[in-house]
């Protein structure tokens, strides 16, 4: 599975996820820093990547659009280090990858995961 990290997450997360064997790029790699969320989502969809972010706006955008892709993982671990965020992702991504492949919005919060199939309905 291929992933795109939003700019709100550190490039250190990319480095750690890559070291764990994940195919991941950061928004900076695609010159998306400062771009509006719609453009970031379009890049993820165009490149067949799952968007990983801590920005709740992506759920709203998916609900309004009615799109079935890209899948989005919302990481709700505010105030945590990139190393802690990476560990949570490494531990939980394998369990939700089948859902993400089919189009999903997944929220990882503490030790809970919530997965909703796309399209979302406002």
Protein backbone atom coordinates (compact mmCIF):
# COMPACT_ATOMS: atom_id res chain seq x y z
CA UNK A 1 0.00 0.00 0.00
CA UNK A 2 1.24 3.50 -0.83
CA UNK A 3 0.89 6.45 1.54
CA UNK A 4 1.11 10.24 1.42
CA UNK A 5 1.84 12.09 4.67
CA UNK A 6 0.21 15.48 4.99
CA UNK A 7 2.42 18.43 5.89
CA UNK A 8 1.04 18.54 9.44
CA UNK A 9 3.07 15.40 10.15
CA UNK A 10 6.85 15.48 10.44
CA UNK A 11 9.13 14.23 7.70
CA UNK A 12 10.63 12.07 10.47
CA UNK A 13 7.44 10.00 10.34
CA UNK A 14 8.17 9.33 6.65
CA UNK A 15 11.70 8.22 7.49
CA UNK A 16 10.53 5.82 10.20
CA UNK A 17 7.70 4.36 8.08
CA UNK A 18 10.08 3.83 5.17
CA UNK A 19 12.55 2.06 7.45
CA UNK A 20 9.67 -0.25 8.45
CA UNK A 21 9.08 -1.11 4.78
CA UNK A 22 6.20 1.20 3.88
CA UNK A 23 5.96 3.03 0.53
CA UNK A 24 5.47 6.57 1.82
CA UNK A 25 6.09 10.10 0.59
CA UNK A 26 5.66 13.37 2.42
CA UNK A 27 3.79 16.39 1.04
CA UNK A 28 7.17 18.14 0.84
CA UNK A 29 8.42 15.47 -1.58
CA UNK A 30 5.59 16.38 -3.96
CA UNK A 31 5.94 20.14 -3.50
CA UNK A 32 2.58 20.29 -1.75
CA UNK A 33 3.64 22.37 1.25
CA UNK A 34 1.16 25.21 1.72
CA UNK A 35 -1.27 23.78 -0.83
CA UNK A 36 -4.98 23.70 -0.05
CA UNK A 37 -6.37 20.42 1.23
CA UNK A 38 -8.23 19.78 -2.04
CA UNK A 39 -4.92 19.72 -3.93
CA UNK A 40 -3.35 17.36 -1.41
CA UNK A 41 -6.31 14.98 -1.73
CA UNK A 42 -6.15 15.17 -5.51
CA UNK A 43 -2.44 14.28 -5.45
CA UNK A 44 -3.15 11.27 -3.20
CA UNK A 45 -5.95 10.11 -5.49
CA UNK A 46 -3.90 10.68 -8.66
CA UNK A 47 -0.95 8.69 -7.29
CA UNK A 48 -3.04 5.90 -5.74
CA UNK A 49 -1.92 6.78 -2.22
CA UNK A 50 -3.70 6.72 1.12
CA UNK A 51 -3.52 10.13 2.77
CA UNK A 52 -2.36 10.17 6.40
CA UNK A 53 -3.06 13.38 8.30
CA UNK A 54 -3.90 14.87 11.66
CA UNK A 55 -6.13 17.46 9.96
CA UNK A 56 -9.84 16.81 10.50
CA UNK A 57 -10.76 18.85 7.41
CA UNK A 58 -10.14 15.86 5.15
CA UNK A 59 -13.16 14.01 6.55
CA UNK A 60 -15.32 17.02 5.79
CA UNK A 61 -13.96 17.22 2.25
CA UNK A 62 -14.66 13.54 1.65
CA UNK A 63 -18.21 13.88 2.98
CA UNK A 64 -18.92 16.86 0.72
CA UNK A 65 -17.38 15.28 -2.38
CA UNK A 66 -18.98 11.85 -2.13
CA UNK A 67 -15.73 10.38 -3.49
CA UNK A 68 -14.69 6.80 -2.85
CA UNK A 69 -10.97 7.62 -3.06
CA UNK A 70 -8.50 8.53 -1.74
CA UNK A 71 -8.69 6.69 1.53
CA UNK A 72 -7.70 8.82 4.50
CA UNK A 73 -6.18 7.90 7.85
CA UNK A 74 -6.79 10.54 10.50
CA UNK A 75 -4.20 10.30 13.25
CA UNK A 76 -5.61 11.84 16.42
CA UNK A 77 -2.62 11.84 18.74
CA UNK A 78 -2.05 15.53 19.35
CA UNK A 79 1.12 16.51 21.18
CA UNK A 80 2.90 13.24 20.52
CA UNK A 81 6.33 12.88 18.98
CA UNK A 82 6.93 11.72 15.41
CA UNK A 83 8.40 8.53 16.85
CA UNK A 84 5.23 7.83 18.84
CA UNK A 85 3.02 8.67 15.86
CA UNK A 86 5.07 6.33 13.66
CA UNK A 87 4.82 3.52 16.18
CA UNK A 88 1.02 3.86 16.29
CA UNK A 89 0.84 3.79 12.49
CA UNK A 90 3.20 0.83 12.14
CA UNK A 91 1.19 -1.10 14.72
CA UNK A 92 -2.24 -0.33 13.23
CA UNK A 93 -1.93 0.13 9.45
CA UNK A 94 -1.76 -3.61 8.61
CA UNK A 95 -5.12 -4.21 10.30
CA UNK A 96 -6.92 -1.54 8.26
CA UNK A 97 -5.16 -1.90 4.90
CA UNK A 98 -7.93 -4.11 3.41
CA UNK A 99 -10.47 -1.38 4.21
CA UNK A 100 -8.18 1.34 2.87
CA UNK A 101 -7.77 -0.56 -0.38
CA UNK A 102 -11.54 -0.48 -0.90
CA UNK A 103 -11.94 3.20 0.07
CA UNK A 104 -12.23 4.17 3.72
CA UNK A 105 -11.86 6.94 6.25
CA UNK A 106 -10.06 5.57 9.30
CA UNK A 107 -9.52 7.39 12.58
CA UNK A 108 -6.80 6.18 14.91
CA UNK A 109 -7.18 7.65 18.38
CA UNK A 110 -5.20 6.33 21.31
CA UNK A 111 -5.90 2.59 21.23
CA UNK A 112 -9.13 2.84 19.23
CA UNK A 113 -9.63 2.62 15.49
CA UNK A 114 -12.80 3.63 13.71
CA UNK A 115 -13.18 2.77 10.02
CA UNK A 116 -15.94 4.09 7.78
CA UNK A 117 -16.37 2.99 4.19
CA UNK A 118 -16.37 5.61 1.47
CA UNK A 119 -18.32 7.46 0.28
CA UNK A 120 -19.04 9.33 3.49
CA UNK A 121 -22.34 11.08 3.81
CA UNK A 122 -22.39 14.55 5.38
